[in-house]
């Protein structure tokens, strides 16, 4: 199949020439547009490459700046820590010497970590006491204040019962200072005494009983807090812990029996009792809400 030219189709020669010129012009215009577009694309590529280079340069400068800032921060922090440690050491030395001279220092001014790590005093023990003015002070055990500030000592650690002293240790220290598991459990159970209630370890009493602790409740509490303890062993530990509580309280606590009903039957079980008329060192008697708090030893 052949295609006839415009002339062969009978079109005037002038019209055929005009069409050819228009086609050639359109082709030239398209080529120019393509060239322009290619030039624009190339320019955009160049701009994008420049922006990427600028971004990389900015990121590099930012990284250098961050390194510089972090380095300065670490250096300043190290300097501040060194200065703070030096200051704490100086304070600890001054406090140590003042305590050895018999000074009574405001307890809040003697940091706990200074007492634990930096104080260098005879016996490595500092006693917390309460004076007539109601404030807490730190002193070497038994040392009297030559300046007699704050009045007389109201309570000191020496007044406490063994069970009270043990209860003030954290669990880790308590495990280290007790040789028997019942003693450790007795101190932990004593801590719970301030929160008696129907569903608590201790129960509020009546008829002369301030609070009491049942052997069965203690056994359940031991199983809940001591890993790997069987029911029978928990009952044995509960019995021994009640005896330890009586001994460590210097018999301020008494052991007796109390009836309880379970499954329609009545049983008698051992209980440890704190009676209303018992005075505990450093603790308010019943009706005496203004008595000062018990003090402690740190060191």
C-alpha atoms as a PDB file:
ATOM      1  CA  UNK A   1       0.000   0.000   0.000  1.00  0.00           C
ATOM      2  CA  UNK A   2       1.383   3.404  -1.017  1.00  0.00           C
ATOM      3  CA  UNK A   3       0.690   6.867   0.329  1.00  0.00           C
ATOM      4  CA  UNK A   4       0.254   9.696  -2.101  1.00  0.00           C
ATOM      5  CA  UNK A   5       1.869  13.066  -1.457  1.00  0.00           C
ATOM      6  CA  UNK A   6      -0.357  16.121  -1.245  1.00  0.00           C
ATOM      7  CA  UNK A   7       0.616  16.988  -4.809  1.00  0.00           C
ATOM      8  CA  UNK A   8      -0.251  13.534  -6.035  1.00  0.00           C
ATOM      9  CA  UNK A   9      -3.597  13.831  -4.252  1.00  0.00           C
ATOM     10  CA  UNK A  10      -4.308  16.896  -6.264  1.00  0.00           C
ATOM     11  CA  UNK A  11      -3.557  19.535  -3.597  1.00  0.00           C
ATOM     12  CA  UNK A  12      -2.094  22.760  -4.885  1.00  0.00           C
ATOM     13  CA  UNK A  13       1.665  22.853  -4.700  1.00  0.00           C
ATOM     14  CA  UNK A  14       1.576  26.048  -2.609  1.00  0.00           C
ATOM     15  CA  UNK A  15      -0.610  24.370   0.054  1.00  0.00           C
ATOM     16  CA  UNK A  16       1.647  21.349   0.217  1.00  0.00           C
ATOM     17  CA  UNK A  17       4.628  23.586   0.702  1.00  0.00           C
ATOM     18  CA  UNK A  18       2.797  25.497   3.461  1.00  0.00           C
ATOM     19  CA  UNK A  19       1.964  22.295   5.315  1.00  0.00           C
ATOM     20  CA  UNK A  20       5.534  21.107   5.064  1.00  0.00           C
ATOM     21  CA  UNK A  21       6.788  24.424   6.473  1.00  0.00           C
ATOM     22  CA  UNK A  22       4.334  24.213   9.375  1.00  0.00           C
ATOM     23  CA  UNK A  23       5.411  20.674  10.172  1.00  0.00           C
ATOM     24  CA  UNK A  24       9.047  21.693  10.051  1.00  0.00           C
ATOM     25  CA  UNK A  25       8.361  24.714  12.300  1.00  0.00           C
ATOM     26  CA  UNK A  26       6.428  22.612  14.798  1.00  0.00           C
ATOM     27  CA  UNK A  27       9.231  20.084  14.845  1.00  0.00           C
ATOM     28  CA  UNK A  28      11.778  22.840  15.412  1.00  0.00           C
ATOM     29  CA  UNK A  29       9.664  24.297  18.225  1.00  0.00           C
ATOM     30  CA  UNK A  30       9.375  20.911  19.891  1.00  0.00           C
ATOM     31  CA  UNK A  31      13.119  20.367  19.624  1.00  0.00           C
ATOM     32  CA  UNK A  32      13.731  23.770  21.179  1.00  0.00           C
ATOM     33  CA  UNK A  33      11.315  23.003  24.017  1.00  0.00           C
ATOM     34  CA  UNK A  34      13.012  19.661  24.602  1.00  0.00           C
ATOM     35  CA  UNK A  35      16.381  21.387  24.650  1.00  0.00           C
ATOM     36  CA  UNK A  36      15.082  23.953  27.145  1.00  0.00           C
ATOM     37  CA  UNK A  37      13.612  21.217  29.311  1.00  0.00           C
ATOM     38  CA  UNK A  38      16.843  19.261  29.232  1.00  0.00           C
ATOM     39  CA  UNK A  39      18.709  22.448  30.174  1.00  0.00           C
ATOM     40  CA  UNK A  40      16.261  23.040  33.079  1.00  0.00           C
ATOM     41  CA  UNK A  41      16.610  19.432  34.242  1.00  0.00           C
ATOM     42  CA  UNK A  42      20.368  19.774  34.162  1.00  0.00           C
ATOM     43  CA  UNK A  43      20.162  23.021  36.120  1.00  0.00           C
ATOM     44  CA  UNK A  44      17.870  21.363  38.668  1.00  0.00           C
ATOM     45  CA  UNK A  45      20.307  18.494  39.005  1.00  0.00           C
ATOM     46  CA  UNK A  46      23.129  20.942  39.600  1.00  0.00           C
ATOM     47  CA  UNK A  47      21.058  22.813  42.226  1.00  0.00           C
ATOM     48  CA  UNK A  48      20.105  19.537  43.916  1.00  0.00           C
ATOM     49  CA  UNK A  49      23.735  18.459  44.035  1.00  0.00           C
ATOM     50  CA  UNK A  50      24.696  21.831  45.514  1.00  0.00           C
ATOM     51  CA  UNK A  51      21.932  21.539  48.124  1.00  0.00           C
ATOM     52  CA  UNK A  52      23.080  18.020  49.011  1.00  0.00           C
ATOM     53  CA  UNK A  53      26.638  19.252  49.384  1.00  0.00           C
ATOM     54  CA  UNK A  54      25.459  22.161  51.514  1.00  0.00           C
ATOM     55  CA  UNK A  55      23.369  19.828  53.669  1.00  0.00           C
ATOM     56  CA  UNK A  56      26.292  17.445  54.165  1.00  0.00           C
ATOM     57  CA  UNK A  57      28.498  20.384  55.090  1.00  0.00           C
ATOM     58  CA  UNK A  58      25.867  21.667  57.553  1.00  0.00           C
ATOM     59  CA  UNK A  59      25.489  18.213  59.084  1.00  0.00           C
ATOM     60  CA  UNK A  60      29.248  17.936  59.462  1.00  0.00           C
ATOM     61  CA  UNK A  61      29.385  21.371  61.141  1.00  0.00           C
ATOM     62  CA  UNK A  62      26.482  20.376  63.414  1.00  0.00           C
ATOM     63  CA  UNK A  63      28.227  17.136  64.361  1.00  0.00           C
ATOM     64  CA  UNK A  64      31.399  19.057  65.156  1.00  0.00           C
ATOM     65  CA  UNK A  65      29.384  21.543  67.203  1.00  0.00           C
ATOM     66  CA  UNK A  66      27.644  18.747  69.099  1.00  0.00           C
ATOM     67  CA  UNK A  67      30.977  17.108  69.848  1.00  0.00           C
ATOM     68  CA  UNK A  68      32.313  20.423  71.065  1.00  0.00           C
ATOM     69  CA  UNK A  69      29.253  21.109  73.233  1.00  0.00           C
ATOM     70  CA  UNK A  70      29.235  17.579  74.661  1.00  0.00           C
ATOM     71  CA  UNK A  71      32.943  17.784  75.355  1.00  0.00           C
ATOM     72  CA  UNK A  72      32.533  21.105  77.147  1.00  0.00           C
ATOM     73  CA  UNK A  73      29.501  19.782  79.031  1.00  0.00           C
ATOM     74  CA  UNK A  74      31.362  16.660  80.158  1.00  0.00           C
ATOM     75  CA  UNK A  75      34.375  18.709  81.162  1.00  0.00           C
ATOM     76  CA  UNK A  76      32.272  21.186  83.141  1.00  0.00           C
ATOM     77  CA  UNK A  77      30.256  18.373  84.723  1.00  0.00           C
ATOM     78  CA  UNK A  78      33.432  16.576  85.738  1.00  0.00           C
ATOM     79  CA  UNK A  79      34.791  19.794  87.181  1.00  0.00           C
ATOM     80  CA  UNK A  80      31.557  20.423  89.106  1.00  0.00           C
ATOM     81  CA  UNK A  81      31.500  16.845  90.395  1.00  0.00           C
ATOM     82  CA  UNK A  82      35.107  17.111  91.494  1.00  0.00           C
ATOM     83  CA  UNK A  83      34.390  20.425  93.212  1.00  0.00           C
ATOM     84  CA  UNK A  84      31.228  19.028  94.850  1.00  0.00           C
ATOM     85  CA  UNK A  85      33.074  15.936  96.050  1.00  0.00           C
ATOM     86  CA  UNK A  86      35.850  18.107  97.390  1.00  0.00           C
ATOM     87  CA  UNK A  87      33.329  20.302  99.180  1.00  0.00           C
ATOM     88  CA  UNK A  88      31.548  17.274 100.640  1.00  0.00           C
ATOM     89  CA  UNK A  89      34.866  15.877 101.824  1.00  0.00           C
ATOM     90  CA  UNK A  90      35.723  19.174 103.508  1.00  0.00           C
ATOM     91  CA  UNK A  91      32.265  19.350 105.116  1.00  0.00           C
ATOM     92  CA  UNK A  92      32.551  15.735 106.268  1.00  0.00           C
ATOM     93  CA  UNK A  93      35.955  16.410 107.807  1.00  0.00           C
ATOM     94  CA  UNK A  94      34.700  19.496 109.622  1.00  0.00           C
ATOM     95  CA  UNK A  95      31.587  17.674 110.831  1.00  0.00           C
ATOM     96  CA  UNK A  96      33.663  14.697 111.950  1.00  0.00           C
ATOM     97  CA  UNK A  97      35.949  16.893 114.018  1.00  0.00           C
ATOM     98  CA  UNK A  98      33.018  18.833 115.508  1.00  0.00           C
ATOM     99  CA  UNK A  99      31.203  15.626 116.418  1.00  0.00           C
ATOM    100  CA  UNK A 100      34.344  14.339 118.119  1.00  0.00           C
ATOM    101  CA  UNK A 101      34.411  17.564 120.147  1.00  0.00           C
ATOM    102  CA  UNK A 102      30.905  16.728 121.398  1.00  0.00           C
ATOM    103  CA  UNK A 103      28.910  18.921 119.030  1.00  0.00           C
ATOM    104  CA  UNK A 104      25.239  18.220 118.348  1.00  0.00           C
ATOM    105  CA  UNK A 105      24.596  19.016 114.671  1.00  0.00           C
ATOM    106  CA  UNK A 106      21.214  19.607 113.085  1.00  0.00           C
ATOM    107  CA  UNK A 107      20.415  16.186 111.642  1.00  0.00           C
ATOM    108  CA  UNK A 108      19.107  17.555 108.353  1.00  0.00           C
ATOM    109  CA  UNK A 109      22.501  19.184 107.777  1.00  0.00           C
ATOM    110  CA  UNK A 110      24.325  15.866 107.996  1.00  0.00           C
ATOM    111  CA  UNK A 111      23.704  14.188 104.651  1.00  0.00           C
ATOM    112  CA  UNK A 112      22.964  10.483 104.732  1.00  0.00           C
ATOM    113  CA  UNK A 113      25.612   9.675 102.116  1.00  0.00           C
ATOM    114  CA  UNK A 114      28.184  11.713 104.037  1.00  0.00           C
ATOM    115  CA  UNK A 115      27.413   9.685 107.148  1.00  0.00           C
ATOM    116  CA  UNK A 116      27.642   6.418 105.236  1.00  0.00           C
ATOM    117  CA  UNK A 117      30.799   7.141 103.253  1.00  0.00           C
ATOM    118  CA  UNK A 118      32.794  10.128 104.483  1.00  0.00           C
ATOM    119  CA  UNK A 119      32.370  10.690 108.200  1.00  0.00           C
ATOM    120  CA  UNK A 120      35.479   9.610 110.078  1.00  0.00           C
ATOM    121  CA  UNK A 121      34.540   9.388 113.742  1.00  0.00           C
ATOM    122  CA  UNK A 122      35.306   7.066 116.590  1.00  0.00           C
ATOM    123  CA  UNK A 123      33.292   3.872 116.209  1.00  0.00           C
ATOM    124  CA  UNK A 124      31.952   4.976 112.797  1.00  0.00           C
ATOM    125  CA  UNK A 125      28.566   5.558 114.416  1.00  0.00           C
ATOM    126  CA  UNK A 126      26.431   8.674 114.605  1.00  0.00           C
ATOM    127  CA  UNK A 127      23.376   8.771 116.797  1.00  0.00           C
ATOM    128  CA  UNK A 128      20.169  10.606 115.934  1.00  0.00           C
ATOM    129  CA  UNK A 129      18.511  12.178 118.973  1.00  0.00           C
ATOM    130  CA  UNK A 130      15.524  14.385 119.738  1.00  0.00           C
ATOM    131  CA  UNK A 131      15.788  17.287 122.167  1.00  0.00           C
ATOM    132  CA  UNK A 132      13.344  19.344 124.170  1.00  0.00           C
ATOM    133  CA  UNK A 133      12.999  21.821 121.293  1.00  0.00           C
ATOM    134  CA  UNK A 134      11.540  19.032 119.132  1.00  0.00           C
ATOM    135  CA  UNK A 135      14.425  19.124 116.637  1.00  0.00           C
ATOM    136  CA  UNK A 136      16.555  16.176 115.573  1.00  0.00           C
ATOM    137  CA  UNK A 137      20.318  16.268 116.085  1.00  0.00           C
ATOM    138  CA  UNK A 138      23.300  14.075 115.189  1.00  0.00           C
ATOM    139  CA  UNK A 139      25.945  13.295 117.789  1.00  0.00           C
ATOM    140  CA  UNK A 140      28.415  10.618 118.742  1.00  0.00           C
ATOM    141  CA  UNK A 141      26.580   8.112 120.955  1.00  0.00           C
ATOM    142  CA  UNK A 142      26.280   9.470 124.489  1.00  0.00           C
ATOM    143  CA  UNK A 143      28.106  12.745 123.853  1.00  0.00           C
ATOM    144  CA  UNK A 144      26.660  15.765 125.665  1.00  0.00           C
ATOM    145  CA  UNK A 145      26.526  19.151 123.957  1.00  0.00           C
ATOM    146  CA  UNK A 146      28.828  21.634 125.688  1.00  0.00           C
ATOM    147  CA  UNK A 147      26.737  24.516 124.345  1.00  0.00           C
ATOM    148  CA  UNK A 148      23.516  22.975 125.698  1.00  0.00           C
ATOM    149  CA  UNK A 149      21.525  24.036 122.668  1.00  0.00           C
ATOM    150  CA  UNK A 150      18.012  22.655 122.190  1.00  0.00           C
ATOM    151  CA  UNK A 151      17.621  21.473 125.766  1.00  0.00           C
ATOM    152  CA  UNK A 152      18.033  17.984 127.111  1.00  0.00           C
ATOM    153  CA  UNK A 153      17.948  14.801 125.049  1.00  0.00           C
ATOM    154  CA  UNK A 154      14.428  13.419 125.010  1.00  0.00           C
ATOM    155  CA  UNK A 155      15.079  10.131 123.228  1.00  0.00           C
ATOM    156  CA  UNK A 156      18.117   8.360 121.836  1.00  0.00           C
ATOM    157  CA  UNK A 157      18.757   5.066 120.145  1.00  0.00           C
ATOM    158  CA  UNK A 158      20.086   3.557 123.340  1.00  0.00           C
ATOM    159  CA  UNK A 159      16.549   3.683 124.738  1.00  0.00           C
ATOM    160  CA  UNK A 160      15.125   1.471 121.999  1.00  0.00           C
ATOM    161  CA  UNK A 161      14.178  -2.162 122.365  1.00  0.00           C
ATOM    162  CA  UNK A 162      16.107  -4.637 120.193  1.00  0.00           C
ATOM    163  CA  UNK A 163      13.070  -5.219 117.996  1.00  0.00           C
ATOM    164  CA  UNK A 164      12.698  -1.462 117.444  1.00  0.00           C
ATOM    165  CA  UNK A 165      16.328  -1.093 116.437  1.00  0.00           C
ATOM    166  CA  UNK A 166      16.200  -4.046 114.047  1.00  0.00           C
ATOM    167  CA  UNK A 167      13.003  -2.785 112.433  1.00  0.00           C
ATOM    168  CA  UNK A 168      14.784   0.428 111.420  1.00  0.00           C
ATOM    169  CA  UNK A 169      17.278  -1.399 109.196  1.00  0.00           C
ATOM    170  CA  UNK A 170      16.507  -1.929 105.527  1.00  0.00           C
ATOM    171  CA  UNK A 171      16.016  -5.540 104.427  1.00  0.00           C
ATOM    172  CA  UNK A 172      19.572  -6.029 103.176  1.00  0.00           C
ATOM    173  CA  UNK A 173      21.187  -4.703 106.334  1.00  0.00           C
ATOM    174  CA  UNK A 174      18.679  -6.561 108.487  1.00  0.00           C
ATOM    175  CA  UNK A 175      19.668  -9.863 106.879  1.00  0.00           C
ATOM    176  CA  UNK A 176      23.333  -9.063 107.624  1.00  0.00           C
ATOM    177  CA  UNK A 177      22.907  -8.135 111.289  1.00  0.00           C
ATOM    178  CA  UNK A 178      20.565 -10.982 112.312  1.00  0.00           C
ATOM    179  CA  UNK A 179      21.831 -14.499 112.819  1.00  0.00           C
ATOM    180  CA  UNK A 180      18.408 -16.159 112.956  1.00  0.00           C
ATOM    181  CA  UNK A 181      15.576 -16.073 110.425  1.00  0.00           C
ATOM    182  CA  UNK A 182      12.909 -15.625 113.149  1.00  0.00           C
ATOM    183  CA  UNK A 183      14.693 -12.467 114.373  1.00  0.00           C
ATOM    184  CA  UNK A 184      14.698 -11.052 110.841  1.00  0.00           C
ATOM    185  CA  UNK A 185      11.017 -11.896 110.369  1.00  0.00           C
ATOM    186  CA  UNK A 186      10.170 -10.466 113.790  1.00  0.00           C
ATOM    187  CA  UNK A 187      11.657  -7.099 112.823  1.00  0.00           C
ATOM    188  CA  UNK A 188       9.856  -7.082 109.464  1.00  0.00           C
ATOM    189  CA  UNK A 189       6.560  -7.988 111.122  1.00  0.00           C
ATOM    190  CA  UNK A 190       7.061  -5.232 113.723  1.00  0.00           C
ATOM    191  CA  UNK A 191       7.189  -2.677 110.915  1.00  0.00           C
ATOM    192  CA  UNK A 192       3.641  -3.649 109.926  1.00  0.00           C
ATOM    193  CA  UNK A 193       2.280  -2.840 113.385  1.00  0.00           C
ATOM    194  CA  UNK A 194       1.470   0.781 112.553  1.00  0.00           C
ATOM    195  CA  UNK A 195      -1.129  -0.282 109.985  1.00  0.00           C
ATOM    196  CA  UNK A 196      -3.505  -2.689 111.764  1.00  0.00           C
ATOM    197  CA  UNK A 197      -6.798  -3.720 110.211  1.00  0.00           C
ATOM    198  CA  UNK A 198      -9.069  -6.574 109.293  1.00  0.00           C
ATOM    199  CA  UNK A 199      -7.076  -7.534 106.210  1.00  0.00           C
ATOM    200  CA  UNK A 200      -3.658  -6.522 107.560  1.00  0.00           C
ATOM    201  CA  UNK A 201      -1.011  -8.513 109.414  1.00  0.00           C
ATOM    202  CA  UNK A 202      -1.892  -6.941 112.769  1.00  0.00           C
ATOM    203  CA  UNK A 203      -5.412  -6.590 114.180  1.00  0.00           C
ATOM    204  CA  UNK A 204      -6.667  -3.786 116.419  1.00  0.00           C
ATOM    205  CA  UNK A 205      -7.571  -5.199 119.810  1.00  0.00           C
ATOM    206  CA  UNK A 206     -10.018  -4.455 122.603  1.00  0.00           C
ATOM    207  CA  UNK A 207     -10.388  -5.077 126.354  1.00  0.00           C
ATOM    208  CA  UNK A 208      -6.831  -4.005 127.127  1.00  0.00           C
ATOM    209  CA  UNK A 209      -5.237  -5.243 123.898  1.00  0.00           C
ATOM    210  CA  UNK A 210      -3.790  -2.485 121.724  1.00  0.00           C
ATOM    211  CA  UNK A 211      -2.991  -4.737 118.756  1.00  0.00           C
ATOM    212  CA  UNK A 212      -2.340  -8.445 118.288  1.00  0.00           C
ATOM    213  CA  UNK A 213      -0.869 -10.763 115.678  1.00  0.00           C
ATOM    214  CA  UNK A 214      -2.242 -14.249 114.991  1.00  0.00           C
ATOM    215  CA  UNK A 215       0.054 -17.137 114.171  1.00  0.00           C
ATOM    216  CA  UNK A 216      -2.059 -18.166 111.166  1.00  0.00           C
ATOM    217  CA  UNK A 217      -1.945 -14.653 109.694  1.00  0.00           C
ATOM    218  CA  UNK A 218       1.809 -14.510 110.271  1.00  0.00           C
ATOM    219  CA  UNK A 219       2.276 -17.863 108.504  1.00  0.00           C
ATOM    220  CA  UNK A 220       0.287 -16.625 105.488  1.00  0.00           C
ATOM    221  CA  UNK A 221       2.302 -13.401 105.475  1.00  0.00           C
ATOM    222  CA  UNK A 222       5.594 -15.322 105.586  1.00  0.00           C
ATOM    223  CA  UNK A 223       4.562 -17.492 102.617  1.00  0.00           C
ATOM    224  CA  UNK A 224       3.606 -14.354 100.670  1.00  0.00           C
ATOM    225  CA  UNK A 225       6.905 -12.570 101.356  1.00  0.00           C
ATOM    226  CA  UNK A 226       9.476 -15.382 101.593  1.00  0.00           C
ATOM    227  CA  UNK A 227      10.202 -17.231  98.378  1.00  0.00           C
ATOM    228  CA  UNK A 228      10.066 -21.033  98.375  1.00  0.00           C
ATOM    229  CA  UNK A 229       8.573 -21.485 101.875  1.00  0.00           C
ATOM    230  CA  UNK A 230       6.151 -24.402 102.214  1.00  0.00           C
ATOM    231  CA  UNK A 231       2.956 -24.208 104.240  1.00  0.00           C
ATOM    232  CA  UNK A 232       4.284 -26.444 107.020  1.00  0.00           C
ATOM    233  CA  UNK A 233       7.588 -24.569 107.237  1.00  0.00           C
ATOM    234  CA  UNK A 234       5.749 -21.229 107.277  1.00  0.00           C
ATOM    235  CA  UNK A 235       3.729 -22.427 110.288  1.00  0.00           C
ATOM    236  CA  UNK A 236       6.925 -23.455 112.070  1.00  0.00           C
ATOM    237  CA  UNK A 237       8.580 -20.119 111.237  1.00  0.00           C
ATOM    238  CA  UNK A 238       5.490 -18.273 112.496  1.00  0.00           C
ATOM    239  CA  UNK A 239       5.698 -20.062 115.847  1.00  0.00           C
ATOM    240  CA  UNK A 240       9.416 -19.303 116.211  1.00  0.00           C
ATOM    241  CA  UNK A 241       8.914 -15.693 115.060  1.00  0.00           C
ATOM    242  CA  UNK A 242       6.290 -15.083 117.757  1.00  0.00           C
ATOM    243  CA  UNK A 243       8.798 -16.297 120.354  1.00  0.00           C
ATOM    244  CA  UNK A 244      11.487 -14.042 118.855  1.00  0.00           C
ATOM    245  CA  UNK A 245       9.161 -11.033 118.987  1.00  0.00           C
ATOM    246  CA  UNK A 246       8.564 -11.626 122.675  1.00  0.00           C
ATOM    247  CA  UNK A 247      12.283 -11.929 123.381  1.00  0.00           C
ATOM    248  CA  UNK A 248      13.369  -8.955 121.217  1.00  0.00           C
ATOM    249  CA  UNK A 249      10.705  -6.747 122.830  1.00  0.00           C
ATOM    250  CA  UNK A 250      12.088  -7.673 126.258  1.00  0.00           C
ATOM    251  CA  UNK A 251       8.697  -9.185 126.978  1.00  0.00           C
ATOM    252  CA  UNK A 252       6.787  -5.983 126.262  1.00  0.00           C
ATOM    253  CA  UNK A 253       4.909  -8.287 123.902  1.00  0.00           C
ATOM    254  CA  UNK A 254       3.225 -11.329 125.386  1.00  0.00           C
ATOM    255  CA  UNK A 255       2.146 -14.569 123.748  1.00  0.00           C
ATOM    256  CA  UNK A 256      -1.172 -16.177 124.545  1.00  0.00           C
ATOM    257  CA  UNK A 257      -3.943 -18.061 122.785  1.00  0.00           C
ATOM    258  CA  UNK A 258      -7.090 -16.831 121.101  1.00  0.00           C
ATOM    259  CA  UNK A 259     -10.078 -18.774 119.845  1.00  0.00           C
ATOM    260  CA  UNK A 260     -10.972 -18.706 116.173  1.00  0.00           C
ATOM    261  CA  UNK A 261     -13.678 -20.416 114.174  1.00  0.00           C
ATOM    262  CA  UNK A 262     -13.024 -22.080 110.825  1.00  0.00           C
ATOM    263  CA  UNK A 263     -15.116 -24.601 108.892  1.00  0.00           C
ATOM    264  CA  UNK A 264     -17.648 -24.652 111.706  1.00  0.00           C
ATOM    265  CA  UNK A 265     -15.045 -25.674 114.273  1.00  0.00           C
ATOM    266  CA  UNK A 266     -13.441 -23.660 117.081  1.00  0.00           C
ATOM    267  CA  UNK A 267      -9.670 -23.648 117.447  1.00  0.00           C
ATOM    268  CA  UNK A 268      -7.178 -22.020 119.770  1.00  0.00           C
ATOM    269  CA  UNK A 269      -4.145 -20.472 118.128  1.00  0.00           C
ATOM    270  CA  UNK A 270      -1.101 -18.634 119.385  1.00  0.00           C
ATOM    271  CA  UNK A 271      -1.078 -14.837 119.215  1.00  0.00           C
ATOM    272  CA  UNK A 272       1.379 -12.137 120.213  1.00  0.00           C
ATOM    273  CA  UNK A 273      -0.209  -9.179 121.999  1.00  0.00           C
ATOM    274  CA  UNK A 274       0.772  -5.564 122.666  1.00  0.00           C
ATOM    275  CA  UNK A 275      -1.331  -4.460 125.610  1.00  0.00           C
ATOM    276  CA  UNK A 276      -2.660  -0.954 126.200  1.00  0.00           C
ATOM    277  CA  UNK A 277      -0.639  -0.352 129.340  1.00  0.00           C
ATOM    278  CA  UNK A 278       2.752  -1.187 127.808  1.00  0.00           C
ATOM    279  CA  UNK A 279       5.187   1.704 127.317  1.00  0.00           C
ATOM    280  CA  UNK A 280       7.453   1.507 124.280  1.00  0.00           C
ATOM    281  CA  UNK A 281      10.620   3.641 124.289  1.00  0.00           C
ATOM    282  CA  UNK A 282      10.307   6.652 122.055  1.00  0.00           C
ATOM    283  CA  UNK A 283       6.678   5.954 121.163  1.00  0.00           C
ATOM    284  CA  UNK A 284       3.660   7.845 122.470  1.00  0.00           C
ATOM    285  CA  UNK A 285       1.562   6.144 125.093  1.00  0.00           C
ATOM    286  CA  UNK A 286      -2.133   5.801 124.363  1.00  0.00           C
ATOM    287  CA  UNK A 287      -3.670   9.236 124.407  1.00  0.00           C
ATOM    288  CA  UNK A 288      -0.257  10.947 124.205  1.00  0.00           C
ATOM    289  CA  UNK A 289      -0.086  12.106 120.567  1.00  0.00           C
ATOM    290  CA  UNK A 290       2.534  14.776 121.253  1.00  0.00           C
ATOM    291  CA  UNK A 291       5.341  12.463 122.313  1.00  0.00           C
ATOM    292  CA  UNK A 292       8.433  12.794 120.134  1.00  0.00           C
ATOM    293  CA  UNK A 293       9.424  10.194 117.574  1.00  0.00           C
ATOM    294  CA  UNK A 294      12.052   7.553 118.266  1.00  0.00           C
ATOM    295  CA  UNK A 295      15.539   8.256 117.031  1.00  0.00           C
ATOM    296  CA  UNK A 296      18.032   6.108 115.212  1.00  0.00           C
ATOM    297  CA  UNK A 297      21.688   5.394 114.687  1.00  0.00           C
ATOM    298  CA  UNK A 298      23.325   5.945 111.338  1.00  0.00           C
ATOM    299  CA  UNK A 299      26.700   4.735 110.326  1.00  0.00           C
END
